[in-house]
Amino acid sequence: LTVAAVYAALRDEGSALWYGLALAALALGIG
């Protein structure tokens, strides 16, 4: 989940989808 958060943020170049995936992975990781 933490690697997924970094990967999604790295892919995010203005995309709402990748930003949302980064936040989702972060939230699930904390859970």
PDB file of all heavy atoms in Angstrom:
ATOM      1  N   LEU A   1       0.821  -1.213   0.000  1.00  0.00           N
ATOM      2  CA  LEU A   1       0.000   0.000   0.000  1.00  0.00           C
ATOM      3  C   LEU A   1       0.857   1.265   0.000  1.00  0.00           C
ATOM      4  O   LEU A   1       0.526   2.249  -0.673  1.00  0.00           O
ATOM      5  CB  LEU A   1      -0.936  -0.010   1.207  1.00  0.00           C
ATOM      6  CG  LEU A   1      -2.063  -1.050   1.147  1.00  0.00           C
ATOM      7  CD1 LEU A   1      -2.805  -1.123   2.477  1.00  0.00           C
ATOM      8  CD2 LEU A   1      -3.035  -0.739   0.017  1.00  0.00           C
ATOM      9  N   THR A   2       1.948   1.248   0.743  1.00  0.00           N
ATOM     10  CA  THR A   2       2.806   2.438   0.752  1.00  0.00           C
ATOM     11  C   THR A   2       3.536   2.604  -0.585  1.00  0.00           C
ATOM     12  O   THR A   2       3.670   3.728  -1.081  1.00  0.00           O
ATOM     13  CB  THR A   2       3.820   2.384   1.906  1.00  0.00           C
ATOM     14  OG1 THR A   2       4.523   1.126   1.887  1.00  0.00           O
ATOM     15  CG2 THR A   2       3.116   2.510   3.256  1.00  0.00           C
ATOM     16  N   VAL A   3       3.999   1.501  -1.162  1.00  0.00           N
ATOM     17  CA  VAL A   3       4.633   1.582  -2.484  1.00  0.00           C
ATOM     18  C   VAL A   3       3.604   2.026  -3.519  1.00  0.00           C
ATOM     19  O   VAL A   3       3.913   2.813  -4.430  1.00  0.00           O
ATOM     20  CB  VAL A   3       5.255   0.227  -2.868  1.00  0.00           C
ATOM     21  CG1 VAL A   3       5.735   0.245  -4.315  1.00  0.00           C
ATOM     22  CG2 VAL A   3       6.434  -0.100  -1.958  1.00  0.00           C
ATOM     23  N   ALA A   4       2.363   1.550  -3.383  1.00  0.00           N
ATOM     24  CA  ALA A   4       1.304   1.955  -4.314  1.00  0.00           C
ATOM     25  C   ALA A   4       1.032   3.448  -4.211  1.00  0.00           C
ATOM     26  O   ALA A   4       0.788   4.125  -5.232  1.00  0.00           O
ATOM     27  CB  ALA A   4       0.023   1.164  -4.025  1.00  0.00           C
ATOM     28  N   ALA A   5       1.077   3.999  -2.997  1.00  0.00           N
ATOM     29  CA  ALA A   5       0.868   5.439  -2.825  1.00  0.00           C
ATOM     30  C   ALA A   5       1.953   6.227  -3.545  1.00  0.00           C
ATOM     31  O   ALA A   5       1.676   7.228  -4.232  1.00  0.00           O
ATOM     32  CB  ALA A   5       0.843   5.786  -1.333  1.00  0.00           C
ATOM     33  N   VAL A   6       3.203   5.794  -3.413  1.00  0.00           N
ATOM     34  CA  VAL A   6       4.307   6.477  -4.088  1.00  0.00           C
ATOM     35  C   VAL A   6       4.187   6.329  -5.603  1.00  0.00           C
ATOM     36  O   VAL A   6       4.368   7.294  -6.362  1.00  0.00           O
ATOM     37  CB  VAL A   6       5.659   5.918  -3.597  1.00  0.00           C
ATOM     38  CG1 VAL A   6       6.810   6.490  -4.428  1.00  0.00           C
ATOM     39  CG2 VAL A   6       5.865   6.238  -2.121  1.00  0.00           C
ATOM     40  N   TYR A   7       3.868   5.124  -6.062  1.00  0.00           N
ATOM     41  CA  TYR A   7       3.748   4.884  -7.507  1.00  0.00           C
ATOM     42  C   TYR A   7       2.658   5.756  -8.124  1.00  0.00           C
ATOM     43  O   TYR A   7       2.854   6.375  -9.179  1.00  0.00           O
ATOM     44  CB  TYR A   7       3.451   3.412  -7.763  1.00  0.00           C
ATOM     45  CG  TYR A   7       3.279   3.071  -9.232  1.00  0.00           C
ATOM     46  CD1 TYR A   7       4.382   2.926 -10.055  1.00  0.00           C
ATOM     47  CD2 TYR A   7       2.017   2.904  -9.794  1.00  0.00           C
ATOM     48  CE1 TYR A   7       4.241   2.625 -11.412  1.00  0.00           C
ATOM     49  CE2 TYR A   7       1.854   2.605 -11.139  1.00  0.00           C
ATOM     50  CZ  TYR A   7       2.971   2.471 -11.935  1.00  0.00           C
ATOM     51  OH  TYR A   7       2.825   2.180 -13.275  1.00  0.00           O
ATOM     52  N   ALA A   8       1.493   5.805  -7.456  1.00  0.00           N
ATOM     53  CA  ALA A   8       0.385   6.602  -7.986  1.00  0.00           C
ATOM     54  C   ALA A   8       0.747   8.088  -8.010  1.00  0.00           C
ATOM     55  O   ALA A   8       0.436   8.802  -8.974  1.00  0.00           O
ATOM     56  CB  ALA A   8      -0.872   6.366  -7.152  1.00  0.00           C
ATOM     57  N   ALA A   9       1.408   8.566  -6.947  1.00  0.00           N
ATOM     58  CA  ALA A   9       1.815   9.972  -6.918  1.00  0.00           C
ATOM     59  C   ALA A   9       2.826  10.261  -8.019  1.00  0.00           C
ATOM     60  O   ALA A   9       2.806  11.337  -8.641  1.00  0.00           O
ATOM     61  CB  ALA A   9       2.395  10.317  -5.555  1.00  0.00           C
ATOM     62  N   LEU A  10       3.710   9.307  -8.260  1.00  0.00           N
ATOM     63  CA  LEU A  10       4.712   9.485  -9.314  1.00  0.00           C
ATOM     64  C   LEU A  10       4.046   9.572 -10.687  1.00  0.00           C
ATOM     65  O   LEU A  10       4.498  10.313 -11.564  1.00  0.00           O
ATOM     66  CB  LEU A  10       5.702   8.316  -9.264  1.00  0.00           C
ATOM     67  CG  LEU A  10       7.054   8.462  -9.943  1.00  0.00           C
ATOM     68  CD1 LEU A  10       7.832   9.621  -9.350  1.00  0.00           C
ATOM     69  CD2 LEU A  10       7.842   7.169  -9.812  1.00  0.00           C
ATOM     70  N   ARG A  11       2.973   8.809 -10.873  1.00  0.00           N
ATOM     71  CA  ARG A  11       2.251   8.828 -12.149  1.00  0.00           C
ATOM     72  C   ARG A  11       1.352  10.051 -12.302  1.00  0.00           C
ATOM     73  O   ARG A  11       0.895  10.359 -13.411  1.00  0.00           O
ATOM     74  CB  ARG A  11       1.386   7.568 -12.275  1.00  0.00           C
ATOM     75  CG  ARG A  11       2.135   6.254 -12.405  1.00  0.00           C
ATOM     76  CD  ARG A  11       2.802   6.123 -13.759  1.00  0.00           C
ATOM     77  NE  ARG A  11       1.875   6.241 -14.875  1.00  0.00           N
ATOM     78  CZ  ARG A  11       1.264   5.201 -15.459  1.00  0.00           C
ATOM     79  NH1 ARG A  11       1.486   3.969 -14.996  1.00  0.00           N
ATOM     80  NH2 ARG A  11       0.455   5.378 -16.480  1.00  0.00           N
ATOM     81  N   ASP A  12       1.084  10.716 -11.192  1.00  0.00           N
ATOM     82  CA  ASP A  12       0.154  11.849 -11.205  1.00  0.00           C
ATOM     83  C   ASP A  12       0.814  13.094 -11.798  1.00  0.00           C
ATOM     84  O   ASP A  12       1.666  13.710 -11.168  1.00  0.00           O
ATOM     85  CB  ASP A  12      -0.332  12.131  -9.779  1.00  0.00           C
ATOM     86  CG  ASP A  12      -1.242  13.345  -9.705  1.00  0.00           C
ATOM     87  OD1 ASP A  12      -1.769  13.756 -10.765  1.00  0.00           O
ATOM     88  OD2 ASP A  12      -1.417  13.877  -8.595  1.00  0.00           O
ATOM     89  N   GLU A  13       0.409  13.427 -12.979  1.00  0.00           N
ATOM     90  CA  GLU A  13       0.892  14.649 -13.622  1.00  0.00           C
ATOM     91  C   GLU A  13      -0.301  15.547 -13.927  1.00  0.00           C
ATOM     92  O   GLU A  13      -0.470  16.046 -15.035  1.00  0.00           O
ATOM     93  CB  GLU A  13       1.671  14.300 -14.878  1.00  0.00           C
ATOM     94  CG  GLU A  13       2.934  13.482 -14.590  1.00  0.00           C
ATOM     95  CD  GLU A  13       3.690  13.086 -15.837  1.00  0.00           C
ATOM     96  OE1 GLU A  13       3.168  13.368 -16.943  1.00  0.00           O
ATOM     97  OE2 GLU A  13       4.785  12.511 -15.726  1.00  0.00           O
ATOM     98  N   GLY A  14      -1.146  15.707 -12.909  1.00  0.00           N
ATOM     99  CA  GLY A  14      -2.350  16.500 -13.071  1.00  0.00           C
ATOM    100  C   GLY A  14      -3.603  15.668 -13.208  1.00  0.00           C
ATOM    101  O   GLY A  14      -4.699  16.203 -13.407  1.00  0.00           O
ATOM    102  N   SER A  15      -3.454  14.339 -13.077  1.00  0.00           N
ATOM    103  CA  SER A  15      -4.585  13.420 -13.225  1.00  0.00           C
ATOM    104  C   SER A  15      -5.324  13.245 -11.909  1.00  0.00           C
ATOM    105  O   SER A  15      -4.728  12.865 -10.895  1.00  0.00           O
ATOM    106  CB  SER A  15      -4.091  12.060 -13.723  1.00  0.00           C
ATOM    107  OG  SER A  15      -5.081  11.074 -13.572  1.00  0.00           O
ATOM    108  N   ALA A  16      -6.628  13.476 -11.925  1.00  0.00           N
ATOM    109  CA  ALA A  16      -7.436  13.269 -10.721  1.00  0.00           C
ATOM    110  C   ALA A  16      -7.462  11.796 -10.335  1.00  0.00           C
ATOM    111  O   ALA A  16      -7.519  11.457  -9.153  1.00  0.00           O
ATOM    112  CB  ALA A  16      -8.857  13.784 -10.952  1.00  0.00           C
ATOM    113  N   LEU A  17      -7.403  10.911 -11.340  1.00  0.00           N
ATOM    114  CA  LEU A  17      -7.442   9.472 -11.068  1.00  0.00           C
ATOM    115  C   LEU A  17      -6.227   9.034 -10.267  1.00  0.00           C
ATOM    116  O   LEU A  17      -6.353   8.379  -9.225  1.00  0.00           O
ATOM    117  CB  LEU A  17      -7.503   8.697 -12.385  1.00  0.00           C
ATOM    118  CG  LEU A  17      -7.395   7.165 -12.251  1.00  0.00           C
ATOM    119  CD1 LEU A  17      -8.548   6.613 -11.413  1.00  0.00           C
ATOM    120  CD2 LEU A  17      -7.351   6.508 -13.636  1.00  0.00           C
ATOM    121  N   TRP A  18      -5.033   9.393 -10.737  1.00  0.00           N
ATOM    122  CA  TRP A  18      -3.822   8.955 -10.037  1.00  0.00           C
ATOM    123  C   TRP A  18      -3.697   9.608  -8.658  1.00  0.00           C
ATOM    124  O   TRP A  18      -3.239   8.978  -7.703  1.00  0.00           O
ATOM    125  CB  TRP A  18      -2.581   9.245 -10.878  1.00  0.00           C
ATOM    126  CG  TRP A  18      -2.414   8.301 -12.018  1.00  0.00           C
ATOM    127  CD1 TRP A  18      -2.526   8.576 -13.348  1.00  0.00           C
ATOM    128  CD2 TRP A  18      -2.119   6.890 -11.933  1.00  0.00           C
ATOM    129  NE1 TRP A  18      -2.319   7.448 -14.100  1.00  0.00           N
ATOM    130  CE2 TRP A  18      -2.065   6.394 -13.254  1.00  0.00           C
ATOM    131  CE3 TRP A  18      -1.904   6.013 -10.883  1.00  0.00           C
ATOM    132  CZ2 TRP A  18      -1.799   5.057 -13.539  1.00  0.00           C
ATOM    133  CZ3 TRP A  18      -1.634   4.682 -11.155  1.00  0.00           C
ATOM    134  CH2 TRP A  18      -1.584   4.203 -12.470  1.00  0.00           C
ATOM    135  N   TYR A  19      -4.126  10.855  -8.562  1.00  0.00           N
ATOM    136  CA  TYR A  19      -4.096  11.518  -7.254  1.00  0.00           C
ATOM    137  C   TYR A  19      -5.052  10.830  -6.288  1.00  0.00           C
ATOM    138  O   TYR A  19      -4.711  10.591  -5.119  1.00  0.00           O
ATOM    139  CB  TYR A  19      -4.478  12.988  -7.411  1.00  0.00           C
ATOM    140  CG  TYR A  19      -4.401  13.788  -6.123  1.00  0.00           C
ATOM    141  CD1 TYR A  19      -3.226  13.848  -5.381  1.00  0.00           C
ATOM    142  CD2 TYR A  19      -5.511  14.485  -5.658  1.00  0.00           C
ATOM    143  CE1 TYR A  19      -3.154  14.583  -4.202  1.00  0.00           C
ATOM    144  CE2 TYR A  19      -5.451  15.224  -4.476  1.00  0.00           C
ATOM    145  CZ  TYR A  19      -4.271  15.277  -3.762  1.00  0.00           C
ATOM    146  OH  TYR A  19      -4.210  16.000  -2.597  1.00  0.00           O
ATOM    147  N   GLY A  20      -6.235  10.491  -6.772  1.00  0.00           N
ATOM    148  CA  GLY A  20      -7.197   9.777  -5.935  1.00  0.00           C
ATOM    149  C   GLY A  20      -6.675   8.418  -5.509  1.00  0.00           C
ATOM    150  O   GLY A  20      -6.866   8.002  -4.355  1.00  0.00           O
ATOM    151  N   LEU A  21      -5.992   7.719  -6.417  1.00  0.00           N
ATOM    152  CA  LEU A  21      -5.413   6.416  -6.070  1.00  0.00           C
ATOM    153  C   LEU A  21      -4.312   6.571  -5.024  1.00  0.00           C
ATOM    154  O   LEU A  21      -4.176   5.723  -4.118  1.00  0.00           O
ATOM    155  CB  LEU A  21      -4.861   5.735  -7.323  1.00  0.00           C
ATOM    156  CG  LEU A  21      -5.902   5.229  -8.328  1.00  0.00           C
ATOM    157  CD1 LEU A  21      -5.222   4.715  -9.588  1.00  0.00           C
ATOM    158  CD2 LEU A  21      -6.753   4.119  -7.699  1.00  0.00           C
ATOM    159  N   ALA A  22      -3.510   7.627  -5.128  1.00  0.00           N
ATOM    160  CA  ALA A  22      -2.453   7.865  -4.140  1.00  0.00           C
ATOM    161  C   ALA A  22      -3.057   8.086  -2.757  1.00  0.00           C
ATOM    162  O   ALA A  22      -2.587   7.514  -1.757  1.00  0.00           O
ATOM    163  CB  ALA A  22      -1.601   9.057  -4.553  1.00  0.00           C
ATOM    164  N   LEU A  23      -4.116   8.905  -2.682  1.00  0.00           N
ATOM    165  CA  LEU A  23      -4.762   9.165  -1.396  1.00  0.00           C
ATOM    166  C   LEU A  23      -5.452   7.916  -0.863  1.00  0.00           C
ATOM    167  O   LEU A  23      -5.431   7.646   0.348  1.00  0.00           O
ATOM    168  CB  LEU A  23      -5.773  10.301  -1.542  1.00  0.00           C
ATOM    169  CG  LEU A  23      -5.210  11.686  -1.888  1.00  0.00           C
ATOM    170  CD1 LEU A  23      -6.337  12.711  -1.917  1.00  0.00           C
ATOM    171  CD2 LEU A  23      -4.130  12.108  -0.905  1.00  0.00           C
ATOM    172  N   ALA A  24      -6.064   7.128  -1.760  1.00  0.00           N
ATOM    173  CA  ALA A  24      -6.739   5.900  -1.330  1.00  0.00           C
ATOM    174  C   ALA A  24      -5.737   4.902  -0.758  1.00  0.00           C
ATOM    175  O   ALA A  24      -5.987   4.269   0.284  1.00  0.00           O
ATOM    176  CB  ALA A  24      -7.497   5.285  -2.505  1.00  0.00           C
ATOM    177  N   ALA A  25      -4.589   4.744  -1.441  1.00  0.00           N
ATOM    178  CA  ALA A  25      -3.562   3.819  -0.945  1.00  0.00           C
ATOM    179  C   ALA A  25      -3.027   4.290   0.399  1.00  0.00           C
ATOM    180  O   ALA A  25      -2.789   3.477   1.314  1.00  0.00           O
ATOM    181  CB  ALA A  25      -2.425   3.701  -1.962  1.00  0.00           C
ATOM    182  N   LEU A  26      -2.849   5.594   0.536  1.00  0.00           N
ATOM    183  CA  LEU A  26      -2.377   6.151   1.809  1.00  0.00           C
ATOM    184  C   LEU A  26      -3.384   5.873   2.925  1.00  0.00           C
ATOM    185  O   LEU A  26      -3.004   5.422   4.022  1.00  0.00           O
ATOM    186  CB  LEU A  26      -2.164   7.652   1.660  1.00  0.00           C
ATOM    187  CG  LEU A  26      -1.833   8.447   2.935  1.00  0.00           C
ATOM    188  CD1 LEU A  26      -0.515   7.986   3.533  1.00  0.00           C
ATOM    189  CD2 LEU A  26      -1.794   9.943   2.634  1.00  0.00           C
ATOM    190  N   ALA A  27      -4.673   6.121   2.671  1.00  0.00           N
ATOM    191  CA  ALA A  27      -5.704   5.914   3.686  1.00  0.00           C
ATOM    192  C   ALA A  27      -5.835   4.441   4.063  1.00  0.00           C
ATOM    193  O   ALA A  27      -5.953   4.090   5.243  1.00  0.00           O
ATOM    194  CB  ALA A  27      -7.046   6.450   3.180  1.00  0.00           C
ATOM    195  N   LEU A  28      -5.794   3.562   3.066  1.00  0.00           N
ATOM    196  CA  LEU A  28      -5.876   2.126   3.355  1.00  0.00           C
ATOM    197  C   LEU A  28      -4.651   1.660   4.133  1.00  0.00           C
ATOM    198  O   LEU A  28      -4.756   0.803   5.019  1.00  0.00           O
ATOM    199  CB  LEU A  28      -5.996   1.342   2.049  1.00  0.00           C
ATOM    200  CG  LEU A  28      -7.347   1.432   1.339  1.00  0.00           C
ATOM    201  CD1 LEU A  28      -7.270   0.777  -0.039  1.00  0.00           C
ATOM    202  CD2 LEU A  28      -8.448   0.775   2.179  1.00  0.00           C
ATOM    203  N   GLY A  29      -3.485   2.208   3.791  1.00  0.00           N
ATOM    204  CA  GLY A  29      -2.278   1.857   4.530  1.00  0.00           C
ATOM    205  C   GLY A  29      -2.388   2.230   5.993  1.00  0.00           C
ATOM    206  O   GLY A  29      -2.054   1.440   6.883  1.00  0.00           O
ATOM    207  N   ILE A  30      -2.873   3.426   6.270  1.00  0.00           N
ATOM    208  CA  ILE A  30      -3.040   3.864   7.659  1.00  0.00           C
ATOM    209  C   ILE A  30      -4.075   2.995   8.359  1.00  0.00           C
ATOM    210  O   ILE A  30      -3.932   2.665   9.545  1.00  0.00           O
ATOM    211  CB  ILE A  30      -3.434   5.346   7.694  1.00  0.00           C
ATOM    212  CG1 ILE A  30      -2.264   6.201   7.188  1.00  0.00           C
ATOM    213  CG2 ILE A  30      -3.827   5.779   9.108  1.00  0.00           C
ATOM    214  CD1 ILE A  30      -2.610   7.656   6.972  1.00  0.00           C
ATOM    215  N   GLY A  31      -5.104   2.577   7.633  1.00  0.00           N
ATOM    216  CA  GLY A  31      -6.078   1.659   8.219  1.00  0.00           C
ATOM    217  C   GLY A  31      -5.483   0.300   8.522  1.00  0.00           C
ATOM    218  O   GLY A  31      -5.875  -0.364   9.483  1.00  0.00           O
TER     219      GLY A  31
END
